[in-house]
């Protein structure tokens, strides 16, 4: 049986994002998704530190791009 995270989402799906992009800074992700991404956390916080606490809007955007294979490209572009 899979463990459930916050909001009923499965941790195994979130862990794939964390393993691949966990060291990405919240500040970088805000360049992609806007200032409201991971609200309440400093820009210098790593994604792996906040992933399980993300609100549904932030998590949905992140998952969509991860599932379609676009997240890495967006991160690379925002990091320049």
PDB file of N, CA and C in Angstrom:
ATOM      1  N   UNK A   1       0.830  -1.177   0.000  1.00  0.00           N
ATOM      2  CA  UNK A   1       0.000   0.000   0.000  1.00  0.00           C
ATOM      3  C   UNK A   1       0.877   1.244   0.000  1.00  0.00           C
ATOM      4  N   UNK A   2       0.562   2.199  -0.829  1.00  0.00           N
ATOM      5  CA  UNK A   2       1.345   3.420  -0.926  1.00  0.00           C
ATOM      6  C   UNK A   2       0.988   4.369   0.208  1.00  0.00           C
ATOM      7  N   UNK A   3       2.008   5.099   0.675  1.00  0.00           N
ATOM      8  CA  UNK A   3       1.760   6.102   1.707  1.00  0.00           C
ATOM      9  C   UNK A   3       1.198   7.353   1.057  1.00  0.00           C
ATOM     10  N   UNK A   4       0.281   7.961   1.753  1.00  0.00           N
ATOM     11  CA  UNK A   4      -0.283   9.202   1.243  1.00  0.00           C
ATOM     12  C   UNK A   4       0.433  10.391   1.854  1.00  0.00           C
ATOM     13  N   UNK A   5       0.703  11.412   1.050  1.00  0.00           N
ATOM     14  CA  UNK A   5       1.258  12.657   1.533  1.00  0.00           C
ATOM     15  C   UNK A   5       0.133  13.621   1.839  1.00  0.00           C
ATOM     16  N   UNK A   6       0.450  14.868   1.924  1.00  0.00           N
ATOM     17  CA  UNK A   6      -0.560  15.887   2.153  1.00  0.00           C
ATOM     18  C   UNK A   6      -1.518  15.933   0.981  1.00  0.00           C
ATOM     19  N   UNK A   7      -2.751  16.312   1.237  1.00  0.00           N
ATOM     20  CA  UNK A   7      -3.767  16.450   0.195  1.00  0.00           C
ATOM     21  C   UNK A   7      -4.024  15.147  -0.552  1.00  0.00           C
ATOM     22  N   UNK A   8      -3.716  13.997   0.037  1.00  0.00           N
ATOM     23  CA  UNK A   8      -4.001  12.715  -0.587  1.00  0.00           C
ATOM     24  C   UNK A   8      -3.093  12.345  -1.742  1.00  0.00           C
ATOM     25  N   UNK A   9      -2.008  13.059  -1.961  1.00  0.00           N
ATOM     26  CA  UNK A   9      -1.132  12.705  -3.079  1.00  0.00           C
ATOM     27  C   UNK A   9      -0.138  11.636  -2.637  1.00  0.00           C
ATOM     28  N   UNK A  10       0.305  10.839  -3.549  1.00  0.00           N
ATOM     29  CA  UNK A  10       1.212   9.738  -3.236  1.00  0.00           C
ATOM     30  C   UNK A  10       2.650  10.220  -3.184  1.00  0.00           C
ATOM     31  N   UNK A  11       3.351   9.819  -2.167  1.00  0.00           N
ATOM     32  CA  UNK A  11       4.733  10.248  -1.979  1.00  0.00           C
ATOM     33  C   UNK A  11       5.660   9.702  -3.054  1.00  0.00           C
ATOM     34  N   UNK A  12       5.342   8.550  -3.624  1.00  0.00           N
ATOM     35  CA  UNK A  12       6.254   7.990  -4.616  1.00  0.00           C
ATOM     36  C   UNK A  12       6.350   8.888  -5.844  1.00  0.00           C
ATOM     37  N   UNK A  13       5.266   9.517  -6.251  1.00  0.00           N
ATOM     38  CA  UNK A  13       5.300  10.418  -7.403  1.00  0.00           C
ATOM     39  C   UNK A  13       6.119  11.667  -7.070  1.00  0.00           C
ATOM     40  N   UNK A  14       5.920  12.213  -5.881  1.00  0.00           N
ATOM     41  CA  UNK A  14       6.661  13.397  -5.469  1.00  0.00           C
ATOM     42  C   UNK A  14       8.145  13.092  -5.289  1.00  0.00           C
ATOM     43  N   UNK A  15       8.474  11.883  -4.878  1.00  0.00           N
ATOM     44  CA  UNK A  15       9.879  11.546  -4.659  1.00  0.00           C
ATOM     45  C   UNK A  15      10.657  11.516  -5.973  1.00  0.00           C
ATOM     46  N   UNK A  16       9.999  11.176  -7.067  1.00  0.00           N
ATOM     47  CA  UNK A  16      10.679  11.208  -8.372  1.00  0.00           C
ATOM     48  C   UNK A  16      11.077  12.622  -8.731  1.00  0.00           C
ATOM     49  N   UNK A  17      10.203  13.570  -8.434  1.00  0.00           N
ATOM     50  CA  UNK A  17      10.516  14.977  -8.690  1.00  0.00           C
ATOM     51  C   UNK A  17      11.660  15.409  -7.785  1.00  0.00           C
ATOM     52  N   UNK A  18      11.589  15.046  -6.524  1.00  0.00           N
ATOM     53  CA  UNK A  18      12.616  15.440  -5.561  1.00  0.00           C
ATOM     54  C   UNK A  18      13.982  14.869  -5.910  1.00  0.00           C
ATOM     55  N   UNK A  19      14.023  13.612  -6.336  1.00  0.00           N
ATOM     56  CA  UNK A  19      15.303  12.992  -6.677  1.00  0.00           C
ATOM     57  C   UNK A  19      15.968  13.687  -7.855  1.00  0.00           C
ATOM     58  N   UNK A  20      15.176  14.080  -8.829  1.00  0.00           N
ATOM     59  CA  UNK A  20      15.751  14.678 -10.032  1.00  0.00           C
ATOM     60  C   UNK A  20      15.968  16.183  -9.895  1.00  0.00           C
ATOM     61  N   UNK A  21      15.083  16.876  -9.175  1.00  0.00           N
ATOM     62  CA  UNK A  21      15.121  18.335  -9.122  1.00  0.00           C
ATOM     63  C   UNK A  21      15.165  18.885  -7.705  1.00  0.00           C
ATOM     64  N   UNK A  22      15.441  18.041  -6.732  1.00  0.00           N
ATOM     65  CA  UNK A  22      15.388  18.432  -5.332  1.00  0.00           C
ATOM     66  C   UNK A  22      16.315  19.555  -4.934  1.00  0.00           C
ATOM     67  N   UNK A  23      17.440  19.701  -5.623  1.00  0.00           N
ATOM     68  CA  UNK A  23      18.370  20.763  -5.267  1.00  0.00           C
ATOM     69  C   UNK A  23      18.062  22.088  -5.964  1.00  0.00           C
ATOM     70  N   UNK A  24      16.991  22.139  -6.745  1.00  0.00           N
ATOM     71  CA  UNK A  24      16.581  23.378  -7.409  1.00  0.00           C
ATOM     72  C   UNK A  24      16.061  24.344  -6.357  1.00  0.00           C
ATOM     73  N   UNK A  25      16.484  25.587  -6.457  1.00  0.00           N
ATOM     74  CA  UNK A  25      16.074  26.597  -5.492  1.00  0.00           C
ATOM     75  C   UNK A  25      14.664  27.105  -5.783  1.00  0.00           C
ATOM     76  N   UNK A  26      13.941  27.407  -4.718  1.00  0.00           N
ATOM     77  CA  UNK A  26      12.592  27.966  -4.844  1.00  0.00           C
ATOM     78  C   UNK A  26      12.641  29.251  -5.678  1.00  0.00           C
ATOM     79  N   UNK A  27      13.689  30.044  -5.515  1.00  0.00           N
ATOM     80  CA  UNK A  27      13.826  31.280  -6.296  1.00  0.00           C
ATOM     81  C   UNK A  27      13.854  31.022  -7.797  1.00  0.00           C
ATOM     82  N   UNK A  28      14.504  29.957  -8.214  1.00  0.00           N
ATOM     83  CA  UNK A  28      14.541  29.581  -9.634  1.00  0.00           C
ATOM     84  C   UNK A  28      13.147  29.182 -10.100  1.00  0.00           C
ATOM     85  N   UNK A  29      12.460  28.403  -9.296  1.00  0.00           N
ATOM     86  CA  UNK A  29      11.110  27.965  -9.660  1.00  0.00           C
ATOM     87  C   UNK A  29      10.127  29.132  -9.703  1.00  0.00           C
ATOM     88  N   UNK A  30      10.353  30.158  -8.898  1.00  0.00           N
ATOM     89  CA  UNK A  30       9.501  31.348  -8.942  1.00  0.00           C
ATOM     90  C   UNK A  30       9.679  32.113 -10.245  1.00  0.00           C
ATOM     91  N   UNK A  31      10.838  32.023 -10.854  1.00  0.00           N
ATOM     92  CA  UNK A  31      11.040  32.645 -12.163  1.00  0.00           C
ATOM     93  C   UNK A  31      10.168  31.960 -13.206  1.00  0.00           C
ATOM     94  N   UNK A  32       9.872  30.697 -13.001  1.00  0.00           N
ATOM     95  CA  UNK A  32       9.054  29.913 -13.931  1.00  0.00           C
ATOM     96  C   UNK A  32       7.572  30.061 -13.614  1.00  0.00           C
ATOM     97  N   UNK A  33       7.206  29.882 -12.340  1.00  0.00           N
ATOM     98  CA  UNK A  33       5.793  29.771 -11.952  1.00  0.00           C
ATOM     99  C   UNK A  33       5.221  31.014 -11.270  1.00  0.00           C
ATOM    100  N   UNK A  34       6.050  31.994 -11.007  1.00  0.00           N
ATOM    101  CA  UNK A  34       5.566  33.227 -10.390  1.00  0.00           C
ATOM    102  C   UNK A  34       5.897  33.311  -8.913  1.00  0.00           C
ATOM    103  N   UNK A  35       5.765  34.509  -8.367  1.00  0.00           N
ATOM    104  CA  UNK A  35       6.144  34.790  -6.980  1.00  0.00           C
ATOM    105  C   UNK A  35       5.364  33.967  -5.958  1.00  0.00           C
ATOM    106  N   UNK A  36       4.193  33.480  -6.311  1.00  0.00           N
ATOM    107  CA  UNK A  36       3.381  32.726  -5.374  1.00  0.00           C
ATOM    108  C   UNK A  36       3.808  31.282  -5.199  1.00  0.00           C
ATOM    109  N   UNK A  37       4.775  30.818  -5.986  1.00  0.00           N
ATOM    110  CA  UNK A  37       5.220  29.434  -5.870  1.00  0.00           C
ATOM    111  C   UNK A  37       5.900  29.241  -4.518  1.00  0.00           C
ATOM    112  N   UNK A  38       5.496  28.222  -3.778  1.00  0.00           N
ATOM    113  CA  UNK A  38       6.049  27.895  -2.457  1.00  0.00           C
ATOM    114  C   UNK A  38       6.031  29.128  -1.550  1.00  0.00           C
ATOM    115  N   UNK A  39       4.884  29.774  -1.518  1.00  0.00           N
ATOM    116  CA  UNK A  39       4.722  30.997  -0.723  1.00  0.00           C
ATOM    117  C   UNK A  39       5.127  30.746   0.724  1.00  0.00           C
ATOM    118  N   UNK A  40       5.817  31.719   1.285  1.00  0.00           N
ATOM    119  CA  UNK A  40       6.241  31.639   2.675  1.00  0.00           C
ATOM    120  C   UNK A  40       7.640  31.080   2.874  1.00  0.00           C
ATOM    121  N   UNK A  41       8.263  30.614   1.803  1.00  0.00           N
ATOM    122  CA  UNK A  41       9.617  30.074   1.899  1.00  0.00           C
ATOM    123  C   UNK A  41      10.596  31.018   1.211  1.00  0.00           C
ATOM    124  N   UNK A  42      11.818  31.131   1.761  1.00  0.00           N
ATOM    125  CA  UNK A  42      12.831  31.980   1.122  1.00  0.00           C
ATOM    126  C   UNK A  42      13.240  31.444  -0.249  1.00  0.00           C
ATOM    127  N   UNK A  43      13.714  32.336  -1.099  1.00  0.00           N
ATOM    128  CA  UNK A  43      14.192  31.957  -2.434  1.00  0.00           C
ATOM    129  C   UNK A  43      15.317  30.936  -2.376  1.00  0.00           C
ATOM    130  N   UNK A  44      16.063  30.912  -1.290  1.00  0.00           N
ATOM    131  CA  UNK A  44      17.233  30.038  -1.169  1.00  0.00           C
ATOM    132  C   UNK A  44      16.894  28.632  -0.669  1.00  0.00           C
ATOM    133  N   UNK A  45      15.619  28.352  -0.428  1.00  0.00           N
ATOM    134  CA  UNK A  45      15.195  27.028   0.022  1.00  0.00           C
ATOM    135  C   UNK A  45      15.202  26.060  -1.158  1.00  0.00           C
ATOM    136  N   UNK A  46      15.675  24.844  -0.934  1.00  0.00           N
ATOM    137  CA  UNK A  46      15.673  23.832  -1.995  1.00  0.00           C
ATOM    138  C   UNK A  46      14.293  23.199  -2.105  1.00  0.00           C
ATOM    139  N   UNK A  47      13.942  22.799  -3.314  1.00  0.00           N
ATOM    140  CA  UNK A  47      12.657  22.157  -3.568  1.00  0.00           C
ATOM    141  C   UNK A  47      12.440  20.950  -2.671  1.00  0.00           C
ATOM    142  N   UNK A  48      13.471  20.157  -2.443  1.00  0.00           N
ATOM    143  CA  UNK A  48      13.325  18.959  -1.613  1.00  0.00           C
ATOM    144  C   UNK A  48      12.871  19.281  -0.198  1.00  0.00           C
ATOM    145  N   UNK A  49      13.161  20.487   0.271  1.00  0.00           N
ATOM    146  CA  UNK A  49      12.778  20.886   1.622  1.00  0.00           C
ATOM    147  C   UNK A  49      11.302  21.272   1.724  1.00  0.00           C
ATOM    148  N   UNK A  50      10.686  21.650   0.615  1.00  0.00           N
ATOM    149  CA  UNK A  50       9.305  22.153   0.663  1.00  0.00           C
ATOM    150  C   UNK A  50       8.313  21.321  -0.138  1.00  0.00           C
ATOM    151  N   UNK A  51       8.777  20.355  -0.862  1.00  0.00           N
ATOM    152  CA  UNK A  51       7.921  19.627  -1.801  1.00  0.00           C
ATOM    153  C   UNK A  51       6.648  19.089  -1.155  1.00  0.00           C
ATOM    154  N   UNK A  52       6.767  18.464  -0.016  1.00  0.00           N
ATOM    155  CA  UNK A  52       5.583  17.873   0.623  1.00  0.00           C
ATOM    156  C   UNK A  52       4.639  18.904   1.235  1.00  0.00           C
ATOM    157  N   UNK A  53       5.089  20.159   1.343  1.00  0.00           N
ATOM    158  CA  UNK A  53       4.240  21.199   1.899  1.00  0.00           C
ATOM    159  C   UNK A  53       3.644  22.127   0.836  1.00  0.00           C
ATOM    160  N   UNK A  54       3.938  21.892  -0.428  1.00  0.00           N
ATOM    161  CA  UNK A  54       3.432  22.772  -1.482  1.00  0.00           C
ATOM    162  C   UNK A  54       1.915  22.743  -1.545  1.00  0.00           C
ATOM    163  N   UNK A  55       1.340  23.893  -1.849  1.00  0.00           N
ATOM    164  CA  UNK A  55      -0.115  23.914  -2.043  1.00  0.00           C
ATOM    165  C   UNK A  55      -0.443  23.254  -3.376  1.00  0.00           C
ATOM    166  N   UNK A  56      -1.688  22.963  -3.582  1.00  0.00           N
ATOM    167  CA  UNK A  56      -2.108  22.192  -4.759  1.00  0.00           C
ATOM    168  C   UNK A  56      -1.778  22.906  -6.069  1.00  0.00           C
ATOM    169  N   UNK A  57      -1.886  24.237  -6.099  1.00  0.00           N
ATOM    170  CA  UNK A  57      -1.583  24.985  -7.326  1.00  0.00           C
ATOM    171  C   UNK A  57      -0.117  24.833  -7.696  1.00  0.00           C
ATOM    172  N   UNK A  58       0.774  25.081  -6.741  1.00  0.00           N
ATOM    173  CA  UNK A  58       2.209  24.967  -7.015  1.00  0.00           C
ATOM    174  C   UNK A  58       2.580  23.545  -7.401  1.00  0.00           C
ATOM    175  N   UNK A  59       2.045  22.575  -6.685  1.00  0.00           N
ATOM    176  CA  UNK A  59       2.365  21.183  -6.969  1.00  0.00           C
ATOM    177  C   UNK A  59       1.836  20.750  -8.331  1.00  0.00           C
ATOM    178  N   UNK A  60       0.650  21.184  -8.694  1.00  0.00           N
ATOM    179  CA  UNK A  60       0.072  20.817  -9.995  1.00  0.00           C
ATOM    180  C   UNK A  60       0.915  21.333 -11.142  1.00  0.00           C
ATOM    181  N   UNK A  61       1.390  22.574 -11.028  1.00  0.00           N
ATOM    182  CA  UNK A  61       2.229  23.143 -12.086  1.00  0.00           C
ATOM    183  C   UNK A  61       3.525  22.356 -12.216  1.00  0.00           C
ATOM    184  N   UNK A  62       4.129  22.069 -11.086  1.00  0.00           N
ATOM    185  CA  UNK A  62       5.392  21.337 -11.072  1.00  0.00           C
ATOM    186  C   UNK A  62       5.229  19.933 -11.642  1.00  0.00           C
ATOM    187  N   UNK A  63       4.203  19.229 -11.213  1.00  0.00           N
ATOM    188  CA  UNK A  63       3.948  17.868 -11.712  1.00  0.00           C
ATOM    189  C   UNK A  63       3.676  17.841 -13.203  1.00  0.00           C
ATOM    190  N   UNK A  64       2.884  18.791 -13.680  1.00  0.00           N
ATOM    191  CA  UNK A  64       2.557  18.832 -15.102  1.00  0.00           C
ATOM    192  C   UNK A  64       3.833  18.931 -15.932  1.00  0.00           C
ATOM    193  N   UNK A  65       4.708  19.860 -15.571  1.00  0.00           N
ATOM    194  CA  UNK A  65       5.944  20.030 -16.332  1.00  0.00           C
ATOM    195  C   UNK A  65       6.879  18.830 -16.168  1.00  0.00           C
ATOM    196  N   UNK A  66       6.917  18.245 -14.995  1.00  0.00           N
ATOM    197  CA  UNK A  66       7.752  17.056 -14.787  1.00  0.00           C
ATOM    198  C   UNK A  66       7.239  15.899 -15.631  1.00  0.00           C
ATOM    199  N   UNK A  67       5.922  15.679 -15.599  1.00  0.00           N
ATOM    200  CA  UNK A  67       5.331  14.552 -16.332  1.00  0.00           C
ATOM    201  C   UNK A  67       5.460  14.688 -17.842  1.00  0.00           C
ATOM    202  N   UNK A  68       5.482  15.921 -18.343  1.00  0.00           N
ATOM    203  CA  UNK A  68       5.605  16.129 -19.784  1.00  0.00           C
ATOM    204  C   UNK A  68       7.060  16.259 -20.234  1.00  0.00           C
ATOM    205  N   UNK A  69       7.984  16.235 -19.264  1.00  0.00           N
ATOM    206  CA  UNK A  69       9.401  16.327 -19.604  1.00  0.00           C
ATOM    207  C   UNK A  69       9.906  17.737 -19.840  1.00  0.00           C
ATOM    208  N   UNK A  70       9.130  18.746 -19.485  1.00  0.00           N
ATOM    209  CA  UNK A  70       9.516  20.125 -19.725  1.00  0.00           C
ATOM    210  C   UNK A  70      10.200  20.802 -18.535  1.00  0.00           C
ATOM    211  N   UNK A  71      10.157  20.195 -17.375  1.00  0.00           N
ATOM    212  CA  UNK A  71      10.663  20.860 -16.180  1.00  0.00           C
ATOM    213  C   UNK A  71      12.150  21.179 -16.278  1.00  0.00           C
ATOM    214  N   UNK A  72      12.970  20.236 -16.680  1.00  0.00           N
ATOM    215  CA  UNK A  72      14.410  20.485 -16.743  1.00  0.00           C
ATOM    216  C   UNK A  72      14.735  21.628 -17.694  1.00  0.00           C
ATOM    217  N   UNK A  73      14.094  21.668 -18.837  1.00  0.00           N
ATOM    218  CA  UNK A  73      14.326  22.753 -19.793  1.00  0.00           C
ATOM    219  C   UNK A  73      13.958  24.096 -19.172  1.00  0.00           C
ATOM    220  N   UNK A  74      12.846  24.164 -18.479  1.00  0.00           N
ATOM    221  CA  UNK A  74      12.406  25.408 -17.852  1.00  0.00           C
ATOM    222  C   UNK A  74      13.374  25.832 -16.745  1.00  0.00           C
ATOM    223  N   UNK A  75      13.861  24.868 -15.973  1.00  0.00           N
ATOM    224  CA  UNK A  75      14.818  25.172 -14.924  1.00  0.00           C
ATOM    225  C   UNK A  75      16.129  25.695 -15.530  1.00  0.00           C
ATOM    226  N   UNK A  76      16.602  25.027 -16.570  1.00  0.00           N
ATOM    227  CA  UNK A  76      17.834  25.470 -17.233  1.00  0.00           C
ATOM    228  C   UNK A  76      17.691  26.888 -17.760  1.00  0.00           C
ATOM    229  N   UNK A  77      16.575  27.184 -18.373  1.00  0.00           N
ATOM    230  CA  UNK A  77      16.332  28.514 -18.940  1.00  0.00           C
ATOM    231  C   UNK A  77      16.239  29.568 -17.833  1.00  0.00           C
ATOM    232  N   UNK A  78      15.571  29.260 -16.736  1.00  0.00           N
ATOM    233  CA  UNK A  78      15.392  30.215 -15.638  1.00  0.00           C
ATOM    234  C   UNK A  78      16.705  30.437 -14.874  1.00  0.00           C
ATOM    235  N   UNK A  79      17.605  29.475 -14.911  1.00  0.00           N
ATOM    236  CA  UNK A  79      18.864  29.586 -14.185  1.00  0.00           C
ATOM    237  C   UNK A  79      19.889  30.465 -14.886  1.00  0.00           C
ATOM    238  N   UNK A  80      19.654  30.796 -16.131  1.00  0.00           N
ATOM    239  CA  UNK A  80      20.615  31.604 -16.904  1.00  0.00           C
ATOM    240  C   UNK A  80      20.556  33.051 -16.515  1.00  0.00           C
TER     241      UNK A  80
END
